Amino acid sequence: MTIAARRRTYWSLFIAACACLVAFFPLFLRLSRGPAAPAFLVKAGALMSLRLGNSTVSSHFLAAAGVGLCCVYAALCLGFILYSFRKTVSTEIYFFSFWVLSVGLEALRLGVFDLTAGGGSIYWQIALTKALLFARYSGFLSLFASGLYAAGFRNEKLGMVAAVILAISIGLASAMPINTGSYATTLELRAGYAPLNSGLALMISLVTVTDYLYAARSTGEGSYRLVALGAAVFLAGYQLLTTQWNPIAMVGGFMLLVAGSWLFVSRLHTYYLWQ
């Protein structure tokens, strides 16, 4: 794949991330104008509260703010990739960029909330939840591919690899049952086999970090150790930001996500600049 083709891909992903960020604002505004205790969240036992000074803030407001941080991260990180990889090629970054977009697509959680609060069809709620699952599956499988290429996997047909990832993700998301009426504090409908989803994400995270450590050993290039560290840091940040509603956890997760991604992208850019 040529540099020009990769640049077009990065531009497309960046524009998609910006669209997620733009969509966040009206969705958040609608949520903030709604009831302080949405009945469907109360019924599902998915509404918590946090006392901040003399006021109490409901968990759905905080979870929605966390979605906003996900969208900001995706737009900033893909913009950084666009800026850094103008004349440099990295297959690891190519697949990592798809994972970054999947973080921005957490905005779909607000879409599920908005549909439910407005009395929308349960079928559309399920469809949006499955779209969210598809984004997460394809993101983590892309990250898995990124680690494989670092470890020595060679296949120049990146489009074919991406197509396989999309096909597997569609299959997994389509097959995953959704528990209608069961909402998480992070605003989406709960998917069935939750331990399977968590286990898959954990396994891919560990394999990805291990792949970059293996790349450091097999190539003798110390930069890959810092890349592995960056991957471990941004994955920890992602976990905090997407599963918690406590503002301290989410802000900490956002900072880890940004710091780890900066280390990951900048070290890979430096490495490939001299290849």
C-alpha atoms as a PDB file:
ATOM      1  CA  MET A   1       0.000   0.000   0.000  1.00  0.00           C
ATOM      2  CA  THR A   2       1.400   3.377  -1.026  1.00  0.00           C
ATOM      3  CA  ILE A   3       1.944   6.328   1.304  1.00  0.00           C
ATOM      4  CA  ALA A   4      -0.788   8.226  -0.565  1.00  0.00           C
ATOM      5  CA  ALA A   5      -3.285   5.405   0.013  1.00  0.00           C
ATOM      6  CA  ARG A   6      -2.442   5.292   3.712  1.00  0.00           C
ATOM      7  CA  ARG A   7      -2.816   9.047   3.955  1.00  0.00           C
ATOM      8  CA  ARG A   8      -6.293   8.775   2.459  1.00  0.00           C
ATOM      9  CA  THR A   9      -7.143   6.134   5.044  1.00  0.00           C
ATOM     10  CA  TYR A  10      -5.841   8.317   7.880  1.00  0.00           C
ATOM     11  CA  TRP A  11      -7.838  11.274   6.573  1.00  0.00           C
ATOM     12  CA  SER A  12     -10.991   9.151   6.379  1.00  0.00           C
ATOM     13  CA  LEU A  13     -10.537   7.899   9.929  1.00  0.00           C
ATOM     14  CA  PHE A  14      -9.776  11.414  11.191  1.00  0.00           C
ATOM     15  CA  ILE A  15     -12.924  12.814   9.547  1.00  0.00           C
ATOM     16  CA  ALA A  16     -14.980   9.962  11.045  1.00  0.00           C
ATOM     17  CA  ALA A  17     -13.538  10.716  14.505  1.00  0.00           C
ATOM     18  CA  CYS A  18     -14.374  14.405  14.104  1.00  0.00           C
ATOM     19  CA  ALA A  19     -17.928  13.418  13.094  1.00  0.00           C
ATOM     20  CA  CYS A  20     -18.216  11.417  16.332  1.00  0.00           C
ATOM     21  CA  LEU A  21     -17.038  14.458  18.287  1.00  0.00           C
ATOM     22  CA  VAL A  22     -19.538  16.732  16.530  1.00  0.00           C
ATOM     23  CA  ALA A  23     -22.371  14.237  17.135  1.00  0.00           C
ATOM     24  CA  PHE A  24     -21.498  14.085  20.826  1.00  0.00           C
ATOM     25  CA  PHE A  25     -22.572  17.671  21.567  1.00  0.00           C
ATOM     26  CA  PRO A  26     -26.270  17.523  20.569  1.00  0.00           C
ATOM     27  CA  LEU A  27     -26.606  14.090  22.147  1.00  0.00           C
ATOM     28  CA  PHE A  28     -25.060  15.312  25.400  1.00  0.00           C
ATOM     29  CA  LEU A  29     -27.261  18.418  25.325  1.00  0.00           C
ATOM     30  CA  ARG A  30     -30.398  16.283  24.965  1.00  0.00           C
ATOM     31  CA  LEU A  31     -29.251  14.084  27.836  1.00  0.00           C
ATOM     32  CA  SER A  32     -28.511  17.074  30.090  1.00  0.00           C
ATOM     33  CA  ARG A  33     -31.974  18.520  29.447  1.00  0.00           C
ATOM     34  CA  GLY A  34     -33.654  15.249  30.370  1.00  0.00           C
ATOM     35  CA  PRO A  35     -34.718  14.008  33.807  1.00  0.00           C
ATOM     36  CA  ALA A  36     -32.101  13.781  36.533  1.00  0.00           C
ATOM     37  CA  ALA A  37     -33.122  10.153  37.143  1.00  0.00           C
ATOM     38  CA  PRO A  38     -34.192   8.416  33.905  1.00  0.00           C
ATOM     39  CA  ALA A  39     -36.781   5.776  34.784  1.00  0.00           C
ATOM     40  CA  PHE A  40     -35.273   3.048  32.602  1.00  0.00           C
ATOM     41  CA  LEU A  41     -31.861   3.399  34.294  1.00  0.00           C
ATOM     42  CA  VAL A  42     -33.464   3.367  37.750  1.00  0.00           C
ATOM     43  CA  LYS A  43     -35.452   0.237  36.844  1.00  0.00           C
ATOM     44  CA  ALA A  44     -32.297  -1.479  35.566  1.00  0.00           C
ATOM     45  CA  GLY A  45     -30.351  -0.520  38.702  1.00  0.00           C
ATOM     46  CA  ALA A  46     -27.904   1.358  36.497  1.00  0.00           C
ATOM     47  CA  LEU A  47     -28.217   4.822  38.023  1.00  0.00           C
ATOM     48  CA  MET A  48     -25.736   5.927  40.667  1.00  0.00           C
ATOM     49  CA  SER A  49     -24.888   9.322  42.096  1.00  0.00           C
ATOM     50  CA  LEU A  50     -21.825  11.155  43.306  1.00  0.00           C
ATOM     51  CA  ARG A  51     -21.739  14.008  45.775  1.00  0.00           C
ATOM     52  CA  LEU A  52     -19.554  16.898  44.630  1.00  0.00           C
ATOM     53  CA  GLY A  53     -19.480  19.582  47.282  1.00  0.00           C
ATOM     54  CA  ASN A  54     -23.054  20.619  47.998  1.00  0.00           C
ATOM     55  CA  SER A  55     -24.516  19.048  44.865  1.00  0.00           C
ATOM     56  CA  THR A  56     -25.189  15.520  43.672  1.00  0.00           C
ATOM     57  CA  VAL A  57     -24.431  14.424  40.121  1.00  0.00           C
ATOM     58  CA  SER A  58     -26.084  11.390  38.532  1.00  0.00           C
ATOM     59  CA  SER A  59     -23.878   8.740  36.988  1.00  0.00           C
ATOM     60  CA  HIS A  60     -25.389   9.073  33.509  1.00  0.00           C
ATOM     61  CA  PHE A  61     -24.166  12.687  33.229  1.00  0.00           C
ATOM     62  CA  LEU A  62     -20.664  11.608  34.213  1.00  0.00           C
ATOM     63  CA  ALA A  63     -20.701   8.564  31.912  1.00  0.00           C
ATOM     64  CA  ALA A  64     -21.793  10.817  29.043  1.00  0.00           C
ATOM     65  CA  ALA A  65     -18.894  13.179  29.787  1.00  0.00           C
ATOM     66  CA  GLY A  66     -16.606  10.146  29.579  1.00  0.00           C
ATOM     67  CA  VAL A  67     -17.950   9.454  26.091  1.00  0.00           C
ATOM     68  CA  GLY A  68     -16.981  13.020  25.198  1.00  0.00           C
ATOM     69  CA  LEU A  69     -13.415  12.358  26.365  1.00  0.00           C
ATOM     70  CA  CYS A  70     -13.328   9.261  24.131  1.00  0.00           C
ATOM     71  CA  CYS A  71     -14.355  11.378  21.129  1.00  0.00           C
ATOM     72  CA  VAL A  72     -11.806  14.087  21.943  1.00  0.00           C
ATOM     73  CA  TYR A  73      -9.074  11.467  22.259  1.00  0.00           C
ATOM     74  CA  ALA A  74      -9.888   9.837  18.915  1.00  0.00           C
ATOM     75  CA  ALA A  75      -9.860  13.145  17.035  1.00  0.00           C
ATOM     76  CA  LEU A  76      -6.624  14.322  18.697  1.00  0.00           C
ATOM     77  CA  CYS A  77      -4.781  11.033  18.242  1.00  0.00           C
ATOM     78  CA  LEU A  78      -5.759  10.584  14.598  1.00  0.00           C
ATOM     79  CA  GLY A  79      -4.805  14.204  13.965  1.00  0.00           C
ATOM     80  CA  PHE A  80      -1.412  13.467  15.533  1.00  0.00           C
ATOM     81  CA  ILE A  81      -1.011  10.398  13.305  1.00  0.00           C
ATOM     82  CA  LEU A  82      -1.905  12.481  10.236  1.00  0.00           C
ATOM     83  CA  TYR A  83       0.697  15.063  11.205  1.00  0.00           C
ATOM     84  CA  SER A  84       3.444  12.591  12.123  1.00  0.00           C
ATOM     85  CA  PHE A  85       3.116  10.065   9.301  1.00  0.00           C
ATOM     86  CA  ARG A  86       3.101  12.363   6.305  1.00  0.00           C
ATOM     87  CA  LYS A  87       6.107  10.697   4.667  1.00  0.00           C
ATOM     88  CA  THR A  88       6.660   7.704   6.923  1.00  0.00           C
ATOM     89  CA  VAL A  89       5.114   4.243   6.569  1.00  0.00           C
ATOM     90  CA  SER A  90       4.242   2.001   9.520  1.00  0.00           C
ATOM     91  CA  THR A  91       1.910  -0.986   9.282  1.00  0.00           C
ATOM     92  CA  GLU A  92       1.641  -1.022  13.079  1.00  0.00           C
ATOM     93  CA  ILE A  93       0.302   2.538  13.044  1.00  0.00           C
ATOM     94  CA  TYR A  94      -2.015   1.737  10.131  1.00  0.00           C
ATOM     95  CA  PHE A  95      -3.905  -0.860  12.196  1.00  0.00           C
ATOM     96  CA  PHE A  96      -3.560   1.080  15.452  1.00  0.00           C
ATOM     97  CA  SER A  97      -5.421   3.977  13.811  1.00  0.00           C
ATOM     98  CA  PHE A  98      -8.504   1.773  13.385  1.00  0.00           C
ATOM     99  CA  TRP A  99      -8.425   0.999  17.097  1.00  0.00           C
ATOM    100  CA  VAL A 100      -8.265   4.731  17.821  1.00  0.00           C
ATOM    101  CA  LEU A 101     -11.418   5.320  15.758  1.00  0.00           C
ATOM    102  CA  SER A 102     -13.175   2.551  17.685  1.00  0.00           C
ATOM    103  CA  VAL A 103     -12.614   4.589  20.852  1.00  0.00           C
ATOM    104  CA  GLY A 104     -14.357   7.576  19.232  1.00  0.00           C
ATOM    105  CA  LEU A 105     -17.262   5.320  18.243  1.00  0.00           C
ATOM    106  CA  GLU A 106     -18.078   4.987  21.944  1.00  0.00           C
ATOM    107  CA  ALA A 107     -20.372   7.893  21.011  1.00  0.00           C
ATOM    108  CA  LEU A 108     -22.832   5.153  20.001  1.00  0.00           C
ATOM    109  CA  ARG A 109     -23.509   4.717  23.732  1.00  0.00           C
ATOM    110  CA  LEU A 110     -25.170   8.126  23.752  1.00  0.00           C
ATOM    111  CA  GLY A 111     -27.182   7.095  20.712  1.00  0.00           C
ATOM    112  CA  VAL A 112     -28.540   4.096  22.638  1.00  0.00           C
ATOM    113  CA  PHE A 113     -29.398   6.332  25.597  1.00  0.00           C
ATOM    114  CA  ASP A 114     -31.076   8.934  23.386  1.00  0.00           C
ATOM    115  CA  LEU A 115     -33.216   6.308  21.646  1.00  0.00           C
ATOM    116  CA  THR A 116     -34.305   4.769  24.940  1.00  0.00           C
ATOM    117  CA  ALA A 117     -35.043   8.114  26.614  1.00  0.00           C
ATOM    118  CA  GLY A 118     -37.134   9.141  23.600  1.00  0.00           C
ATOM    119  CA  GLY A 119     -39.103   5.902  23.560  1.00  0.00           C
ATOM    120  CA  GLY A 120     -37.390   4.621  20.436  1.00  0.00           C
ATOM    121  CA  SER A 121     -37.808   1.113  19.086  1.00  0.00           C
ATOM    122  CA  ILE A 122     -36.010  -1.601  21.022  1.00  0.00           C
ATOM    123  CA  TYR A 123     -34.854  -3.003  17.677  1.00  0.00           C
ATOM    124  CA  TRP A 124     -32.967   0.218  16.932  1.00  0.00           C
ATOM    125  CA  GLN A 125     -31.495   0.135  20.432  1.00  0.00           C
ATOM    126  CA  ILE A 126     -30.241  -3.390  19.779  1.00  0.00           C
ATOM    127  CA  ALA A 127     -28.901  -2.363  16.353  1.00  0.00           C
ATOM    128  CA  LEU A 128     -26.904   0.522  17.861  1.00  0.00           C
ATOM    129  CA  THR A 129     -25.596  -1.734  20.642  1.00  0.00           C
ATOM    130  CA  LYS A 130     -24.451  -4.273  18.058  1.00  0.00           C
ATOM    131  CA  ALA A 131     -22.800  -1.452  16.090  1.00  0.00           C
ATOM    132  CA  LEU A 132     -20.956  -0.500  19.287  1.00  0.00           C
ATOM    133  CA  LEU A 133     -19.869  -4.121  19.782  1.00  0.00           C
ATOM    134  CA  PHE A 134     -18.725  -4.263  16.154  1.00  0.00           C
ATOM    135  CA  ALA A 135     -16.614  -1.138  16.697  1.00  0.00           C
ATOM    136  CA  ARG A 136     -15.024  -2.638  19.802  1.00  0.00           C
ATOM    137  CA  TYR A 137     -14.334  -6.028  18.202  1.00  0.00           C
ATOM    138  CA  SER A 138     -12.858  -4.526  15.044  1.00  0.00           C
ATOM    139  CA  GLY A 139     -10.785  -2.098  17.120  1.00  0.00           C
ATOM    140  CA  PHE A 140      -9.217  -4.798  19.272  1.00  0.00           C
ATOM    141  CA  LEU A 141      -8.661  -7.138  16.317  1.00  0.00           C
ATOM    142  CA  SER A 142      -6.923  -4.254  14.517  1.00  0.00           C
ATOM    143  CA  LEU A 143      -4.716  -3.775  17.559  1.00  0.00           C
ATOM    144  CA  PHE A 144      -3.987  -7.515  17.461  1.00  0.00           C
ATOM    145  CA  ALA A 145      -2.932  -7.161  13.811  1.00  0.00           C
ATOM    146  CA  SER A 146      -0.707  -4.218  14.723  1.00  0.00           C
ATOM    147  CA  GLY A 147       1.151  -6.376  17.239  1.00  0.00           C
ATOM    148  CA  LEU A 148       1.451  -9.269  14.800  1.00  0.00           C
ATOM    149  CA  TYR A 149       3.146  -7.074  12.199  1.00  0.00           C
ATOM    150  CA  ALA A 150       5.566  -5.808  14.841  1.00  0.00           C
ATOM    151  CA  ALA A 151       6.394  -9.416  15.763  1.00  0.00           C
ATOM    152  CA  GLY A 152       7.313 -10.298  12.188  1.00  0.00           C
ATOM    153  CA  PHE A 153       4.079 -11.159  10.376  1.00  0.00           C
ATOM    154  CA  ARG A 154       4.377 -10.205   6.707  1.00  0.00           C
ATOM    155  CA  ASN A 155       1.416  -9.695   4.410  1.00  0.00           C
ATOM    156  CA  GLU A 156       1.480  -6.671   2.143  1.00  0.00           C
ATOM    157  CA  LYS A 157      -2.219  -6.996   1.289  1.00  0.00           C
ATOM    158  CA  LEU A 158      -3.382  -4.776   4.148  1.00  0.00           C
ATOM    159  CA  GLY A 159      -6.801  -4.376   2.597  1.00  0.00           C
ATOM    160  CA  MET A 160      -7.340  -8.132   2.737  1.00  0.00           C
ATOM    161  CA  VAL A 161      -6.284  -8.255   6.401  1.00  0.00           C
ATOM    162  CA  ALA A 162      -8.662  -5.372   7.167  1.00  0.00           C
ATOM    163  CA  ALA A 163     -11.476  -7.178   5.327  1.00  0.00           C
ATOM    164  CA  VAL A 164     -10.904 -10.311   7.434  1.00  0.00           C
ATOM    165  CA  ILE A 165     -11.031  -8.207  10.601  1.00  0.00           C
ATOM    166  CA  LEU A 166     -14.299  -6.589   9.488  1.00  0.00           C
ATOM    167  CA  ALA A 167     -15.838  -9.955   8.594  1.00  0.00           C
ATOM    168  CA  ILE A 168     -14.926 -11.513  11.955  1.00  0.00           C
ATOM    169  CA  SER A 169     -16.179  -8.438  13.824  1.00  0.00           C
ATOM    170  CA  ILE A 170     -19.506  -8.450  11.979  1.00  0.00           C
ATOM    171  CA  GLY A 171     -19.920 -12.146  12.750  1.00  0.00           C
ATOM    172  CA  LEU A 172     -19.148 -11.697  16.455  1.00  0.00           C
ATOM    173  CA  ALA A 173     -21.392  -8.652  16.842  1.00  0.00           C
ATOM    174  CA  SER A 174     -24.263 -10.333  14.978  1.00  0.00           C
ATOM    175  CA  ALA A 175     -24.045 -13.496  17.082  1.00  0.00           C
ATOM    176  CA  MET A 176     -23.791 -11.703  20.435  1.00  0.00           C
ATOM    177  CA  PRO A 177     -27.128 -11.668  22.317  1.00  0.00           C
ATOM    178  CA  ILE A 178     -28.294  -8.387  23.854  1.00  0.00           C
ATOM    179  CA  ASN A 179     -30.095  -8.220  27.187  1.00  0.00           C
ATOM    180  CA  THR A 180     -32.989  -5.876  26.427  1.00  0.00           C
ATOM    181  CA  GLY A 181     -33.987  -3.713  29.358  1.00  0.00           C
ATOM    182  CA  SER A 182     -30.667  -4.325  31.096  1.00  0.00           C
ATOM    183  CA  TYR A 183     -28.572  -1.156  30.958  1.00  0.00           C
ATOM    184  CA  ALA A 184     -25.062  -0.549  32.197  1.00  0.00           C
ATOM    185  CA  THR A 185     -24.037   2.548  34.118  1.00  0.00           C
ATOM    186  CA  THR A 186     -22.000   3.412  31.018  1.00  0.00           C
ATOM    187  CA  LEU A 187     -25.338   3.839  29.149  1.00  0.00           C
ATOM    188  CA  GLU A 188     -25.361   0.940  26.679  1.00  0.00           C
ATOM    189  CA  LEU A 189     -27.498  -2.184  26.747  1.00  0.00           C
ATOM    190  CA  ARG A 190     -25.677  -5.065  28.358  1.00  0.00           C
ATOM    191  CA  ALA A 191     -24.425  -7.735  25.986  1.00  0.00           C
ATOM    192  CA  GLY A 192     -24.666 -11.415  26.824  1.00  0.00           C
ATOM    193  CA  TYR A 193     -21.536 -13.414  27.633  1.00  0.00           C
ATOM    194  CA  ALA A 194     -19.947 -10.355  29.260  1.00  0.00           C
ATOM    195  CA  PRO A 195     -17.010 -12.432  30.627  1.00  0.00           C
ATOM    196  CA  LEU A 196     -16.259 -13.559  27.056  1.00  0.00           C
ATOM    197  CA  ASN A 197     -16.062  -9.958  25.838  1.00  0.00           C
ATOM    198  CA  SER A 198     -13.872  -8.913  28.764  1.00  0.00           C
ATOM    199  CA  GLY A 199     -11.661 -11.975  28.339  1.00  0.00           C
ATOM    200  CA  LEU A 200     -11.196 -11.322  24.624  1.00  0.00           C
ATOM    201  CA  ALA A 201     -10.176  -7.702  25.251  1.00  0.00           C
ATOM    202  CA  LEU A 202      -7.756  -8.742  28.018  1.00  0.00           C
ATOM    203  CA  MET A 203      -6.212 -11.505  25.918  1.00  0.00           C
ATOM    204  CA  ILE A 204      -5.662  -9.239  22.909  1.00  0.00           C
ATOM    205  CA  SER A 205      -4.207  -6.537  25.167  1.00  0.00           C
ATOM    206  CA  LEU A 206      -1.694  -8.955  26.689  1.00  0.00           C
ATOM    207  CA  VAL A 207      -0.784 -10.452  23.299  1.00  0.00           C
ATOM    208  CA  THR A 208      -0.278  -6.993  21.785  1.00  0.00           C
ATOM    209  CA  VAL A 209       2.102  -5.858  24.525  1.00  0.00           C
ATOM    210  CA  THR A 210       3.923  -9.215  24.341  1.00  0.00           C
ATOM    211  CA  ASP A 211       4.290  -8.885  20.564  1.00  0.00           C
ATOM    212  CA  TYR A 212       5.995  -5.523  20.910  1.00  0.00           C
ATOM    213  CA  LEU A 213       8.303  -6.874  23.608  1.00  0.00           C
ATOM    214  CA  TYR A 214       9.145  -9.767  21.289  1.00  0.00           C
ATOM    215  CA  ALA A 215       9.852  -7.267  18.499  1.00  0.00           C
ATOM    216  CA  ALA A 216      12.311  -5.476  20.804  1.00  0.00           C
ATOM    217  CA  ARG A 217      14.110  -8.762  21.493  1.00  0.00           C
ATOM    218  CA  SER A 218      14.111 -10.091  17.925  1.00  0.00           C
ATOM    219  CA  THR A 219      15.217  -6.835  16.273  1.00  0.00           C
ATOM    220  CA  GLY A 220      17.441  -5.555  19.060  1.00  0.00           C
ATOM    221  CA  GLU A 221      15.639  -2.219  18.734  1.00  0.00           C
ATOM    222  CA  GLY A 222      15.082  -0.607  22.140  1.00  0.00           C
ATOM    223  CA  SER A 223      12.346   1.665  20.806  1.00  0.00           C
ATOM    224  CA  TYR A 224       9.974  -1.281  20.763  1.00  0.00           C
ATOM    225  CA  ARG A 225      10.237  -1.564  24.536  1.00  0.00           C
ATOM    226  CA  LEU A 226       8.910   1.985  24.842  1.00  0.00           C
ATOM    227  CA  VAL A 227       6.226   1.157  22.271  1.00  0.00           C
ATOM    228  CA  ALA A 228       5.193  -1.834  24.398  1.00  0.00           C
ATOM    229  CA  LEU A 229       5.092   0.412  27.468  1.00  0.00           C
ATOM    230  CA  GLY A 230       2.952   2.924  25.575  1.00  0.00           C
ATOM    231  CA  ALA A 231       0.547   0.150  24.541  1.00  0.00           C
ATOM    232  CA  ALA A 232       0.228  -1.075  28.130  1.00  0.00           C
ATOM    233  CA  VAL A 233      -0.450   2.469  29.357  1.00  0.00           C
ATOM    234  CA  PHE A 234      -3.072   3.393  26.761  1.00  0.00           C
ATOM    235  CA  LEU A 235      -4.850   0.056  27.190  1.00  0.00           C
ATOM    236  CA  ALA A 236      -5.069   0.633  30.945  1.00  0.00           C
ATOM    237  CA  GLY A 237      -6.402   4.130  30.264  1.00  0.00           C
ATOM    238  CA  TYR A 238      -8.964   2.795  27.800  1.00  0.00           C
ATOM    239  CA  GLN A 239     -10.242   0.319  30.377  1.00  0.00           C
ATOM    240  CA  LEU A 240     -10.725   3.049  32.973  1.00  0.00           C
ATOM    241  CA  LEU A 241     -12.323   5.535  30.595  1.00  0.00           C
ATOM    242  CA  THR A 242     -14.836   3.151  29.024  1.00  0.00           C
ATOM    243  CA  THR A 243     -15.940   1.116  32.038  1.00  0.00           C
ATOM    244  CA  GLN A 244     -16.098   3.687  34.848  1.00  0.00           C
ATOM    245  CA  TRP A 245     -18.333   6.669  35.573  1.00  0.00           C
ATOM    246  CA  ASN A 246     -16.360   8.112  38.494  1.00  0.00           C
ATOM    247  CA  PRO A 247     -14.797  11.375  37.231  1.00  0.00           C
ATOM    248  CA  ILE A 248     -11.421  10.722  38.899  1.00  0.00           C
ATOM    249  CA  ALA A 249     -11.151   7.319  37.209  1.00  0.00           C
ATOM    250  CA  MET A 250     -12.244   8.715  33.853  1.00  0.00           C
ATOM    251  CA  VAL A 251      -9.878  11.704  33.909  1.00  0.00           C
ATOM    252  CA  GLY A 252      -7.054   9.404  34.994  1.00  0.00           C
ATOM    253  CA  GLY A 253      -7.971   7.011  32.191  1.00  0.00           C
ATOM    254  CA  PHE A 254      -8.009   9.840  29.642  1.00  0.00           C
ATOM    255  CA  MET A 255      -4.568  11.012  30.741  1.00  0.00           C
ATOM    256  CA  LEU A 256      -3.167   7.468  30.509  1.00  0.00           C
ATOM    257  CA  LEU A 257      -4.807   7.030  27.108  1.00  0.00           C
ATOM    258  CA  VAL A 258      -3.249  10.225  25.756  1.00  0.00           C
ATOM    259  CA  ALA A 259       0.184   9.647  27.325  1.00  0.00           C
ATOM    260  CA  GLY A 260       0.397   6.019  26.215  1.00  0.00           C
ATOM    261  CA  SER A 261      -0.731   6.810  22.671  1.00  0.00           C
ATOM    262  CA  TRP A 262       1.762   9.675  22.379  1.00  0.00           C
ATOM    263  CA  LEU A 263       4.582   7.347  23.458  1.00  0.00           C
ATOM    264  CA  PHE A 264       3.371   4.603  21.108  1.00  0.00           C
ATOM    265  CA  VAL A 265       2.998   6.822  18.026  1.00  0.00           C
ATOM    266  CA  SER A 266       6.076   9.004  18.578  1.00  0.00           C
ATOM    267  CA  ARG A 267       8.440   6.051  19.190  1.00  0.00           C
ATOM    268  CA  LEU A 268       7.189   4.206  16.112  1.00  0.00           C
ATOM    269  CA  HIS A 269       7.544   7.388  14.063  1.00  0.00           C
ATOM    270  CA  THR A 270      11.140   7.836  15.214  1.00  0.00           C
ATOM    271  CA  TYR A 271      11.935   4.192  14.502  1.00  0.00           C
ATOM    272  CA  TYR A 272      10.515   4.158  10.964  1.00  0.00           C
ATOM    273  CA  LEU A 273      11.948   7.574  10.148  1.00  0.00           C
ATOM    274  CA  TRP A 274      15.405   6.009  10.103  1.00  0.00           C
ATOM    275  CA  GLN A 275      14.532   2.782   8.322  1.00  0.00           C
END
